[in-house]
C-alpha atoms as a PDB file:
ATOM      1  CA  MET A   1      52.457  16.700  24.849  1.00  0.00           C
ATOM      2  CA  MET A   2      50.016  14.129  26.111  1.00  0.00           C
ATOM      3  CA  SER A   3      49.615  13.813  29.730  1.00  0.00           C
ATOM      4  CA  ARG A   4      49.813  10.428  31.516  1.00  0.00           C
ATOM      5  CA  ILE A   5      45.991  10.285  32.022  1.00  0.00           C
ATOM      6  CA  HIS A   6      45.401  11.289  28.248  1.00  0.00           C
ATOM      7  CA  ARG A   7      47.784   8.487  27.258  1.00  0.00           C
ATOM      8  CA  THR A   8      45.969   5.860  29.298  1.00  0.00           C
ATOM      9  CA  LEU A   9      42.615   6.933  27.994  1.00  0.00           C
ATOM     10  CA  VAL A  10      43.744   6.646  24.536  1.00  0.00           C
ATOM     11  CA  VAL A  11      45.409   3.304  25.002  1.00  0.00           C
ATOM     12  CA  ALA A  12      42.083   2.035  26.701  1.00  0.00           C
ATOM     13  CA  LEU A  13      40.139   3.531  23.406  1.00  0.00           C
ATOM     14  CA  VAL A  14      42.181   2.009  20.947  1.00  0.00           C
ATOM     15  CA  GLY A  15      41.954  -1.692  22.944  1.00  0.00           C
ATOM     16  CA  LEU A  16      38.213  -1.432  22.902  1.00  0.00           C
ATOM     17  CA  ALA A  17      38.093  -0.904  19.384  1.00  0.00           C
ATOM     18  CA  MET A  18      40.689  -3.435  18.245  1.00  0.00           C
ATOM     19  CA  PRO A  19      38.279  -6.567  18.985  1.00  0.00           C
ATOM     20  CA  VAL A  20      35.610  -4.808  16.889  1.00  0.00           C
ATOM     21  CA  LEU A  21      37.910  -4.297  14.014  1.00  0.00           C
ATOM     22  CA  THR A  22      39.084  -7.769  14.122  1.00  0.00           C
ATOM     23  CA  PHE A  23      35.567  -9.162  14.440  1.00  0.00           C
ATOM     24  CA  ALA A  24      34.398  -7.221  11.293  1.00  0.00           C
ATOM     25  CA  ALA A  25      37.494  -8.261   9.135  1.00  0.00           C
ATOM     26  CA  ALA A  26      36.746 -11.837  10.121  1.00  0.00           C
ATOM     27  CA  ALA A  27      33.072 -11.997   9.113  1.00  0.00           C
ATOM     28  CA  PRO A  28      32.294 -14.737   6.561  1.00  0.00           C
ATOM     29  CA  ALA A  29      31.209 -13.360   3.164  1.00  0.00           C
ATOM     30  CA  ILE A  30      27.453 -13.532   2.297  1.00  0.00           C
ATOM     31  CA  LYS A  31      26.769 -16.042  -0.347  1.00  0.00           C
ATOM     32  CA  PRO A  32      23.873 -14.968  -2.644  1.00  0.00           C
ATOM     33  CA  VAL A  33      20.578 -17.216  -2.352  1.00  0.00           C
ATOM     34  CA  ALA A  34      17.959 -17.214  -5.084  1.00  0.00           C
ATOM     35  CA  PRO A  35      14.986 -15.486  -4.169  1.00  0.00           C
ATOM     36  CA  GLN A  36      11.397 -17.573  -3.791  1.00  0.00           C
ATOM     37  CA  PRO A  37       8.839 -16.592  -6.377  1.00  0.00           C
ATOM     38  CA  LEU A  38       6.047 -14.642  -5.433  1.00  0.00           C
ATOM     39  CA  LYS A  39       2.843 -16.671  -5.567  1.00  0.00           C
ATOM     40  CA  THR A  40      -0.457 -15.301  -5.623  1.00  0.00           C
ATOM     41  CA  GLU A  41      -4.234 -16.261  -5.747  1.00  0.00           C
ATOM     42  CA  PHE A  42      -6.951 -14.317  -6.857  1.00  0.00           C
ATOM     43  CA  ALA A  43      -9.495 -13.596  -3.861  1.00  0.00           C
ATOM     44  CA  PHE A  44     -11.668 -11.165  -4.955  1.00  0.00           C
ATOM     45  CA  THR A  45     -12.778  -7.864  -6.710  1.00  0.00           C
ATOM     46  CA  ALA A  46     -14.228  -4.859  -5.213  1.00  0.00           C
ATOM     47  CA  TYR A  47     -16.265  -2.512  -7.292  1.00  0.00           C
ATOM     48  CA  VAL A  48     -16.152   0.589  -5.081  1.00  0.00           C
ATOM     49  CA  LYS A  49     -18.498   3.392  -6.113  1.00  0.00           C
ATOM     50  CA  VAL A  50     -16.934   6.990  -5.428  1.00  0.00           C
ATOM     51  CA  ALA A  51     -18.504  10.550  -5.479  1.00  0.00           C
ATOM     52  CA  ALA A  52     -16.714  13.541  -7.098  1.00  0.00           C
ATOM     53  CA  PRO A  53     -13.508  14.384  -5.063  1.00  0.00           C
ATOM     54  CA  ILE A  54     -13.131  16.951  -2.840  1.00  0.00           C
ATOM     55  CA  VAL A  55     -10.249  19.155  -3.074  1.00  0.00           C
ATOM     56  CA  ILE A  56      -8.599  20.063   0.105  1.00  0.00           C
ATOM     57  CA  GLY A  57      -5.824  22.286  -1.340  1.00  0.00           C
ATOM     58  CA  GLN A  58      -2.146  22.194  -1.951  1.00  0.00           C
ATOM     59  CA  GLY A  59      -0.101  20.703   1.165  1.00  0.00           C
ATOM     60  CA  ALA A  60       3.489  19.946   1.869  1.00  0.00           C
ATOM     61  CA  ASP A  61       3.698  17.135  -0.422  1.00  0.00           C
ATOM     62  CA  GLY A  62       1.274  18.219  -3.128  1.00  0.00           C
ATOM     63  CA  LEU A  63      -2.648  18.802  -3.824  1.00  0.00           C
ATOM     64  CA  GLN A  64      -4.732  16.859  -1.282  1.00  0.00           C
ATOM     65  CA  ARG A  65      -8.082  15.749  -1.961  1.00  0.00           C
ATOM     66  CA  TYR A  66     -10.721  13.225  -0.380  1.00  0.00           C
ATOM     67  CA  VAL A  67     -12.879  10.928  -2.416  1.00  0.00           C
ATOM     68  CA  PRO A  68     -16.066   9.665  -0.538  1.00  0.00           C
ATOM     69  CA  ILE A  69     -17.021   5.958  -1.131  1.00  0.00           C
ATOM     70  CA  THR A  70     -20.592   5.532  -1.786  1.00  0.00           C
ATOM     71  CA  GLY A  71     -20.862   1.840  -1.985  1.00  0.00           C
ATOM     72  CA  GLY A  72     -20.363  -0.923  -4.356  1.00  0.00           C
ATOM     73  CA  GLU A  73     -19.763  -4.587  -4.690  1.00  0.00           C
ATOM     74  CA  VAL A  74     -17.782  -7.478  -3.871  1.00  0.00           C
ATOM     75  CA  GLN A  75     -17.639 -10.404  -6.314  1.00  0.00           C
ATOM     76  CA  GLY A  76     -15.250 -13.313  -6.162  1.00  0.00           C
ATOM     77  CA  PRO A  77     -14.222 -17.120  -4.965  1.00  0.00           C
ATOM     78  CA  MET A  78     -12.934 -16.060  -1.648  1.00  0.00           C
ATOM     79  CA  LEU A  79     -15.482 -13.109  -0.804  1.00  0.00           C
ATOM     80  CA  LYS A  80     -18.955 -12.130  -1.894  1.00  0.00           C
ATOM     81  CA  GLY A  81     -20.850  -8.963  -0.610  1.00  0.00           C
ATOM     82  CA  SER A  82     -20.891  -5.559  -0.802  1.00  0.00           C
ATOM     83  CA  VAL A  83     -19.228  -2.192  -0.071  1.00  0.00           C
ATOM     84  CA  LEU A  84     -20.624  -0.070   2.316  1.00  0.00           C
ATOM     85  CA  ALA A  85     -21.349   3.867   1.850  1.00  0.00           C
ATOM     86  CA  ALA A  86     -18.640   4.584   4.535  1.00  0.00           C
ATOM     87  CA  GLY A  87     -15.055   5.972   4.312  1.00  0.00           C
ATOM     88  CA  GLY A  88     -13.140   7.329   1.455  1.00  0.00           C
ATOM     89  CA  ASP A  89      -9.739   7.836   0.078  1.00  0.00           C
ATOM     90  CA  LEU A  90      -7.385  10.258   0.962  1.00  0.00           C
ATOM     91  CA  GLN A  91      -5.117  11.262  -1.913  1.00  0.00           C
ATOM     92  CA  VAL A  92      -2.026  13.326  -2.637  1.00  0.00           C
ATOM     93  CA  PHE A  93      -0.926  14.263  -5.964  1.00  0.00           C
ATOM     94  CA  ARG A  94       2.650  14.548  -5.660  1.00  0.00           C
ATOM     95  CA  THR A  95       3.757  17.452  -7.835  1.00  0.00           C
ATOM     96  CA  ALA A  96       7.158  16.554  -7.756  1.00  0.00           C
ATOM     97  CA  ASP A  97       7.037  13.130  -9.592  1.00  0.00           C
ATOM     98  CA  ASP A  98       3.489  13.444 -10.865  1.00  0.00           C
ATOM     99  CA  VAL A  99       2.186  10.391  -8.606  1.00  0.00           C
ATOM    100  CA  LEU A 100      -1.211   9.961  -7.016  1.00  0.00           C
ATOM    101  CA  ALA A 101      -0.521   8.464  -3.759  1.00  0.00           C
ATOM    102  CA  LEU A 102      -3.825   7.159  -2.169  1.00  0.00           C
ATOM    103  CA  GLU A 103      -5.198   5.713   1.148  1.00  0.00           C
ATOM    104  CA  ALA A 104      -8.474   4.534   1.223  1.00  0.00           C
ATOM    105  CA  THR A 105     -10.252   3.421   4.097  1.00  0.00           C
ATOM    106  CA  TYR A 106     -13.568   1.397   3.942  1.00  0.00           C
ATOM    107  CA  ILE A 107     -15.964  -1.247   5.052  1.00  0.00           C
ATOM    108  CA  LEU A 108     -16.735  -4.627   3.175  1.00  0.00           C
ATOM    109  CA  GLU A 109     -19.850  -6.738   4.171  1.00  0.00           C
ATOM    110  CA  SER A 110     -19.847 -10.402   3.438  1.00  0.00           C
ATOM    111  CA  ASP A 111     -23.406 -11.754   1.746  1.00  0.00           C
ATOM    112  CA  ASP A 112     -23.708 -13.668   5.216  1.00  0.00           C
ATOM    113  CA  GLY A 113     -23.530 -10.373   7.062  1.00  0.00           C
ATOM    114  CA  VAL A 114     -19.590 -10.137   8.458  1.00  0.00           C
ATOM    115  CA  LYS A 115     -18.010  -6.677   8.086  1.00  0.00           C
ATOM    116  CA  ILE A 116     -14.371  -6.540   7.102  1.00  0.00           C
ATOM    117  CA  SER A 117     -12.365  -3.319   7.347  1.00  0.00           C
ATOM    118  CA  VAL A 118     -10.054  -2.240   4.662  1.00  0.00           C
ATOM    119  CA  ILE A 119      -6.912  -0.195   4.729  1.00  0.00           C
ATOM    120  CA  ASN A 120      -5.793   0.014   1.041  1.00  0.00           C
ATOM    121  CA  THR A 121      -2.599   1.913   0.049  1.00  0.00           C
ATOM    122  CA  GLY A 122      -1.130   2.577  -3.230  1.00  0.00           C
ATOM    123  CA  TYR A 123       0.281   4.693  -6.150  1.00  0.00           C
ATOM    124  CA  ARG A 124      -1.380   5.658  -9.743  1.00  0.00           C
ATOM    125  CA  HIS A 125       0.610   7.194 -12.450  1.00  0.00           C
ATOM    126  CA  GLY A 126       0.782   7.300 -16.254  1.00  0.00           C
ATOM    127  CA  PRO A 127       1.380   9.566 -18.858  1.00  0.00           C
ATOM    128  CA  ALA A 128       0.064  13.167 -18.921  1.00  0.00           C
ATOM    129  CA  GLU A 129      -2.421  12.898 -21.541  1.00  0.00           C
ATOM    130  CA  VAL A 130      -3.940   9.491 -20.113  1.00  0.00           C
ATOM    131  CA  ILE A 131      -4.474  11.088 -16.966  1.00  0.00           C
ATOM    132  CA  ALA A 132      -5.923  14.313 -18.283  1.00  0.00           C
ATOM    133  CA  ARG A 133      -8.317  12.158 -20.144  1.00  0.00           C
ATOM    134  CA  MET A 134      -9.072  10.094 -16.866  1.00  0.00           C
ATOM    135  CA  ALA A 135      -9.679  13.649 -15.044  1.00  0.00           C
ATOM    136  CA  ARG A 136     -12.256  14.402 -17.997  1.00  0.00           C
ATOM    137  CA  GLY A 137     -13.935  11.080 -17.154  1.00  0.00           C
ATOM    138  CA  GLU A 138     -12.914   9.495 -20.413  1.00  0.00           C
ATOM    139  CA  ALA A 139     -12.747   5.817 -20.629  1.00  0.00           C
ATOM    140  CA  VAL A 140      -9.070   4.374 -20.356  1.00  0.00           C
ATOM    141  CA  ALA A 141      -7.631   1.061 -20.466  1.00  0.00           C
ATOM    142  CA  PRO A 142      -5.951   0.065 -17.534  1.00  0.00           C
ATOM    143  CA  THR A 143      -3.266  -0.966 -19.499  1.00  0.00           C
ATOM    144  CA  GLU A 144      -2.276   2.618 -20.282  1.00  0.00           C
ATOM    145  CA  TYR A 145      -1.618   3.594 -16.689  1.00  0.00           C
ATOM    146  CA  TYR A 146       0.015   2.015 -13.719  1.00  0.00           C
ATOM    147  CA  PHE A 147      -2.374   1.622 -10.549  1.00  0.00           C
ATOM    148  CA  ARG A 148      -1.252  -0.810  -7.718  1.00  0.00           C
ATOM    149  CA  THR A 149      -2.046  -1.047  -3.968  1.00  0.00           C
ATOM    150  CA  SER A 150      -1.438  -3.069  -1.171  1.00  0.00           C
ATOM    151  CA  ALA A 151      -4.289  -3.742   1.576  1.00  0.00           C
ATOM    152  CA  LYS A 152      -4.772  -4.707   5.066  1.00  0.00           C
ATOM    153  CA  LEU A 153      -8.159  -6.265   5.810  1.00  0.00           C
ATOM    154  CA  ASN A 154      -9.447  -6.921   9.336  1.00  0.00           C
ATOM    155  CA  ALA A 155     -12.565  -9.317  10.021  1.00  0.00           C
ATOM    156  CA  PRO A 156     -14.058 -10.333  13.681  1.00  0.00           C
ATOM    157  CA  ARG A 157     -12.005 -12.767  15.313  1.00  0.00           C
ATOM    158  CA  GLY A 158     -14.021 -16.413  15.203  1.00  0.00           C
ATOM    159  CA  SER A 159     -15.573 -15.504  11.817  1.00  0.00           C
ATOM    160  CA  LYS A 160     -15.179 -17.756   8.799  1.00  0.00           C
ATOM    161  CA  TYR A 161     -13.406 -14.520   7.428  1.00  0.00           C
ATOM    162  CA  GLU A 162     -10.807 -14.358  10.272  1.00  0.00           C
ATOM    163  CA  TRP A 163      -8.126 -15.810   7.628  1.00  0.00           C
ATOM    164  CA  VAL A 164      -7.913 -11.991   6.080  1.00  0.00           C
ATOM    165  CA  ASN A 165      -6.222 -10.803   9.389  1.00  0.00           C
ATOM    166  CA  ARG A 166      -3.158 -12.705   8.811  1.00  0.00           C
ATOM    167  CA  THR A 167      -3.012 -12.454   4.993  1.00  0.00           C
ATOM    168  CA  LEU A 168      -0.978  -9.901   2.958  1.00  0.00           C
ATOM    169  CA  PHE A 169      -2.909  -8.815  -0.187  1.00  0.00           C
ATOM    170  CA  ILE A 170      -1.929  -6.971  -3.443  1.00  0.00           C
ATOM    171  CA  SER A 171      -4.126  -5.521  -6.106  1.00  0.00           C
ATOM    172  CA  THR A 172      -4.211  -4.341  -9.295  1.00  0.00           C
ATOM    173  CA  ALA A 173      -6.829  -1.427  -9.754  1.00  0.00           C
ATOM    174  CA  GLU A 174      -8.908   0.463 -12.586  1.00  0.00           C
ATOM    175  CA  ARG A 175     -10.620   3.963 -12.492  1.00  0.00           C
ATOM    176  CA  GLN A 176     -13.395   4.822 -14.017  1.00  0.00           C
ATOM    177  CA  ALA A 177     -15.584   8.018 -14.039  1.00  0.00           C
ATOM    178  CA  ASP A 178     -17.549   6.856 -10.759  1.00  0.00           C
ATOM    179  CA  LEU A 179     -15.900   3.650 -10.010  1.00  0.00           C
ATOM    180  CA  VAL A 180     -12.615   2.170  -8.651  1.00  0.00           C
ATOM    181  CA  ILE A 181     -12.123  -1.558  -9.383  1.00  0.00           C
ATOM    182  CA  VAL A 182      -9.893  -3.331  -7.284  1.00  0.00           C
ATOM    183  CA  HIS A 183      -8.672  -6.886  -8.023  1.00  0.00           C
ATOM    184  CA  PHE A 184      -7.327  -8.296  -4.922  1.00  0.00           C
ATOM    185  CA  TYR A 185      -4.877 -11.075  -4.644  1.00  0.00           C
ATOM    186  CA  ARG A 186      -3.625 -12.856  -1.408  1.00  0.00           C
ATOM    187  CA  VAL A 187      -0.090 -13.491  -1.250  1.00  0.00           C
ATOM    188  CA  MET A 188       0.717 -16.983  -0.538  1.00  0.00           C
END
């Protein structure tokens, strides 16, 4: 049997819930809208030289390793210059799904001396036999595996490259024995 205070509390709570239920029932249906097509424009290619991986060991998410970046070149219509021998690529080979998750941090220097930092994250995966060939240093066509990244670039304010600070970049990439080739596209 409910006490008078208990009944009053129940009535008050039900009263508070009713407007919410009424509002939710009266919400208009969402009408589908056609997505806008994604437009990209090729910006540049970074030819990133890398050293042999340093194996860190088995972590909670998979096998961890670090790949030092030793230099390289940048060529393209929006940026030309070099990749400095600074930074590296922290990788986790996820054993649960055989995907290499990566986060590379490095520095580009334009041909006119402006330094631009890069944080590039992505995934690489493919058939086991293709990945094994890559691990042995064999040439593998980039069409045989998936290697995609998204990058955040940061240039000094006031430089002619300041536009990269407000631009999203996506990339296709290729892995060679001692080189990673990253084709950067700006999303329009």
